[in-house]
Amino acid sequence: KVTGVQTCALPICSWLSVKSKGKSQNQNSSFVDRCSKNEKRKTKNDLNQSFSIYNGKLVEQNQPLILSDNRAFRYGEGLFETMRWHNDSVPLFDYHWKRLTESLQLLYFDLPIHFTSDYLKEQIQKLCKKNHHTGSARIRLTIFKGEGGIWEDPTTSFNWLLQSWSLPTEKPEVNVNGLDIGVFESGRKRSE
């Protein structure tokens, strides 16, 4: 079973070794050896790899989770919310929760009874603890529909995926240069 980054890197190296006719066999094998070593290094690092939470269950981040007939994959039925983890909490969490619940209603997603703001906070805390995020981290909650074809009635239930990544600094950096803002005068919109 091959997952994550490994699905691309090693087959590309093998393809290059077959396609590069102008090089000697030694050069090709050393190139493939380097790719294999990189894969081993990635696999070794994956032991310390982060985890995700999929529908309330901890899973390895590089584990495939959706099928090809997933409605979110096919038709874009879903949404995501990005949050910041800092000092064991999500700043402005109530605003994130409000935007999330309002967006779910607009997309006709039914919020399960157990999926409360407290439940989401617990899941975020569990994930950050598992991934050893002691400082700051970026949290992404993705909510999407499950499997189904084009002629099937869309369901109102959903799947969800919670992911986290460490942020390089604990304090956000302020842009001291400011912003350049202008008006695109050539673009005109007709009023009808």
Protein backbone atom coordinates (compact mmCIF):
# COMPACT_ATOMS: atom_id res chain seq x y z
CA LYS A 1 0.00 0.00 0.00
CA VAL A 2 1.54 3.27 -1.11
CA THR A 3 0.19 6.54 0.25
CA GLY A 4 0.90 10.25 0.41
CA VAL A 5 4.02 11.67 -1.19
CA GLN A 6 5.35 8.20 -1.86
CA THR A 7 2.81 7.67 -4.65
CA CYS A 8 4.57 10.27 -6.82
CA ALA A 9 8.27 10.36 -6.02
CA LEU A 10 9.41 6.78 -6.58
CA PRO A 11 7.48 6.08 -9.80
CA ILE A 12 8.83 9.34 -11.28
CA CYS A 13 12.39 8.27 -10.45
CA SER A 14 11.78 4.87 -12.06
CA TRP A 15 10.28 6.51 -15.14
CA LEU A 16 13.28 8.83 -15.48
CA SER A 17 15.71 5.95 -15.25
CA VAL A 18 13.91 4.18 -18.11
CA LYS A 19 13.46 7.29 -20.28
CA SER A 20 16.99 8.76 -19.99
CA LYS A 21 18.66 6.84 -22.80
CA GLY A 22 21.70 9.12 -23.19
CA LYS A 23 23.12 8.33 -19.74
CA SER A 24 25.07 5.29 -18.72
CA GLN A 25 23.48 2.62 -16.53
CA ASN A 26 25.65 3.79 -13.62
CA GLN A 27 24.28 7.33 -13.80
CA ASN A 28 20.71 6.04 -13.99
CA SER A 29 21.12 3.70 -11.02
CA SER A 30 22.75 6.39 -8.89
CA PHE A 31 19.82 8.70 -9.66
CA VAL A 32 17.33 6.00 -8.67
CA ASP A 33 19.39 5.24 -5.55
CA ARG A 34 19.21 8.89 -4.53
CA CYS A 35 15.43 8.86 -5.04
CA SER A 36 15.12 5.67 -2.99
CA LYS A 37 17.22 7.20 -0.20
CA ASN A 38 14.99 10.27 -0.24
CA GLU A 39 11.93 8.03 -0.01
CA LYS A 40 13.45 6.13 2.92
CA ARG A 41 14.20 9.44 4.61
CA LYS A 42 10.62 10.61 4.06
CA THR A 43 9.26 7.32 5.35
CA LYS A 44 11.46 7.61 8.43
CA ASN A 45 10.24 11.16 9.00
CA ASP A 46 6.66 9.96 8.52
CA LEU A 47 7.02 8.04 11.79
CA ASN A 48 7.00 11.49 13.39
CA GLN A 49 4.37 12.55 10.86
CA SER A 50 1.38 14.45 11.96
CA PHE A 51 -2.10 13.09 12.36
CA SER A 52 -5.53 14.27 11.26
CA ILE A 53 -8.96 13.67 12.69
CA TYR A 54 -11.47 12.26 10.20
CA ASN A 55 -15.06 12.10 11.45
CA GLY A 56 -13.84 11.95 15.05
CA LYS A 57 -11.12 9.30 14.54
CA LEU A 58 -7.37 9.93 14.61
CA VAL A 59 -5.75 8.92 11.31
CA GLU A 60 -2.27 9.36 9.87
CA GLN A 61 -2.09 12.52 7.77
CA ASN A 62 -0.90 10.66 4.67
CA GLN A 63 -3.76 8.11 4.73
CA PRO A 64 -6.16 8.36 1.75
CA LEU A 65 -9.70 9.13 2.91
CA ILE A 66 -12.07 9.77 0.01
CA LEU A 67 -13.26 7.70 -2.93
CA SER A 68 -13.37 8.92 -6.51
CA ASP A 69 -17.17 9.25 -6.47
CA ASN A 70 -17.08 11.65 -3.52
CA ARG A 71 -19.53 14.51 -4.10
CA ALA A 72 -17.11 17.11 -2.72
CA PHE A 73 -14.42 15.89 -5.09
CA ARG A 74 -16.80 15.76 -8.06
CA TYR A 75 -18.98 18.80 -7.51
CA GLY A 76 -17.22 20.91 -4.89
CA GLU A 77 -19.81 20.34 -2.17
CA GLY A 78 -17.96 21.46 0.90
CA LEU A 79 -16.27 24.24 2.79
CA PHE A 80 -13.28 24.83 5.00
CA GLU A 81 -12.42 27.03 7.95
CA THR A 82 -8.84 27.93 8.86
CA MET A 83 -8.03 28.82 12.45
CA ARG A 84 -4.93 29.61 14.48
CA TRP A 85 -3.94 27.61 17.55
CA HIS A 86 -2.03 29.67 20.12
CA ASN A 87 -1.44 29.12 23.84
CA ASP A 88 -3.73 26.06 23.99
CA SER A 89 -6.75 27.73 22.40
CA VAL A 90 -8.10 29.19 19.17
CA PRO A 91 -8.28 32.98 19.34
CA LEU A 92 -11.63 34.35 18.17
CA PHE A 93 -13.12 30.86 18.18
CA ASP A 94 -16.69 32.14 18.58
CA TYR A 95 -16.39 34.10 15.31
CA HIS A 96 -15.04 31.00 13.52
CA TRP A 97 -17.92 28.91 14.90
CA LYS A 98 -20.53 31.49 13.86
CA ARG A 99 -19.15 31.72 10.30
CA LEU A 100 -18.96 27.92 10.10
CA THR A 101 -22.55 27.29 11.23
CA GLU A 102 -23.94 30.03 8.96
CA SER A 103 -22.04 28.62 5.99
CA LEU A 104 -23.30 25.11 6.70
CA GLN A 105 -26.88 26.38 6.64
CA LEU A 106 -26.31 28.14 3.30
CA LEU A 107 -25.00 24.89 1.80
CA TYR A 108 -27.88 22.81 3.27
CA PHE A 109 -25.64 20.78 5.55
CA ASP A 110 -27.30 19.49 8.72
CA LEU A 111 -25.15 19.96 11.81
CA PRO A 112 -25.18 16.71 13.82
CA ILE A 113 -26.37 17.09 17.41
CA HIS A 114 -22.99 15.98 18.83
CA PHE A 115 -21.02 18.45 16.65
CA THR A 116 -21.09 21.42 19.02
CA SER A 117 -18.60 24.22 19.54
CA ASP A 118 -17.31 22.46 22.68
CA TYR A 119 -16.90 19.19 20.74
CA LEU A 120 -14.91 20.97 18.02
CA LYS A 121 -12.70 22.66 20.65
CA GLU A 122 -12.01 19.24 22.23
CA GLN A 123 -11.12 17.75 18.85
CA ILE A 124 -8.76 20.64 18.04
CA GLN A 125 -7.08 20.30 21.42
CA LYS A 126 -6.75 16.52 20.98
CA LEU A 127 -5.20 16.96 17.52
CA CYS A 128 -2.74 19.65 18.60
CA LYS A 129 -1.67 17.53 21.57
CA LYS A 130 -1.19 14.45 19.35
CA ASN A 131 0.84 16.49 16.83
CA HIS A 132 2.93 18.10 19.60
CA HIS A 133 1.91 21.66 18.78
CA THR A 134 3.02 23.43 21.94
CA GLY A 135 3.33 26.89 20.35
CA SER A 136 1.32 28.11 17.40
CA ALA A 137 -0.30 26.01 14.71
CA ARG A 138 -2.58 26.42 11.73
CA ILE A 139 -5.81 24.42 11.98
CA ARG A 140 -7.96 23.58 8.97
CA LEU A 141 -11.43 22.11 9.31
CA THR A 142 -12.80 20.77 6.02
CA ILE A 143 -16.45 19.76 5.84
CA PHE A 144 -17.66 17.92 2.76
CA LYS A 145 -20.36 15.63 1.39
CA GLY A 146 -19.85 11.89 1.05
CA GLU A 147 -20.15 9.59 -1.93
CA GLY A 148 -22.93 9.82 -4.46
CA GLY A 149 -23.67 10.11 -8.14
CA ILE A 150 -25.02 12.92 -10.24
CA TRP A 151 -28.62 11.66 -10.21
CA GLU A 152 -28.75 10.88 -6.51
CA ASP A 153 -30.35 13.34 -4.14
CA PRO A 154 -27.64 15.09 -2.15
CA THR A 155 -27.62 14.16 1.50
CA THR A 156 -27.64 16.77 4.22
CA SER A 157 -25.12 14.89 6.39
CA PHE A 158 -21.40 15.48 6.00
CA ASN A 159 -17.88 14.21 6.66
CA TRP A 160 -15.25 16.34 8.30
CA LEU A 161 -11.47 16.45 8.42
CA LEU A 162 -9.39 18.36 10.94
CA GLN A 163 -5.71 19.00 10.13
CA SER A 164 -2.93 20.96 11.82
CA TRP A 165 0.51 22.29 10.93
CA SER A 166 3.08 24.01 13.12
CA LEU A 167 3.62 27.69 12.52
CA PRO A 168 7.21 28.94 12.43
CA THR A 169 6.72 31.74 14.95
CA GLU A 170 4.59 32.02 18.04
CA LYS A 171 3.84 35.71 17.54
CA PRO A 172 2.30 36.87 14.26
CA GLU A 173 4.52 39.20 12.31
CA VAL A 174 3.21 42.64 11.42
CA ASN A 175 3.60 43.94 7.89
CA VAL A 176 5.59 47.14 8.45
CA ASN A 177 5.62 48.05 4.74
CA GLY A 178 1.87 48.56 4.52
CA LEU A 179 -0.27 47.85 1.46
CA ASP A 180 -0.39 49.38 -2.02
CA ILE A 181 -4.00 49.78 -3.04
CA GLY A 182 -5.21 51.08 -6.36
CA VAL A 183 -8.23 51.23 -8.61
CA PHE A 184 -8.35 49.36 -11.93
CA GLU A 185 -9.76 52.21 -14.01
CA SER A 186 -9.82 50.29 -17.30
CA GLY A 187 -12.23 47.74 -15.91
CA ARG A 188 -15.77 48.93 -16.34
CA LYS A 189 -18.89 47.09 -15.30
CA ARG A 190 -22.06 47.70 -17.21
CA SER A 191 -25.03 48.73 -15.15
CA GLU A 192 -28.15 47.01 -16.32
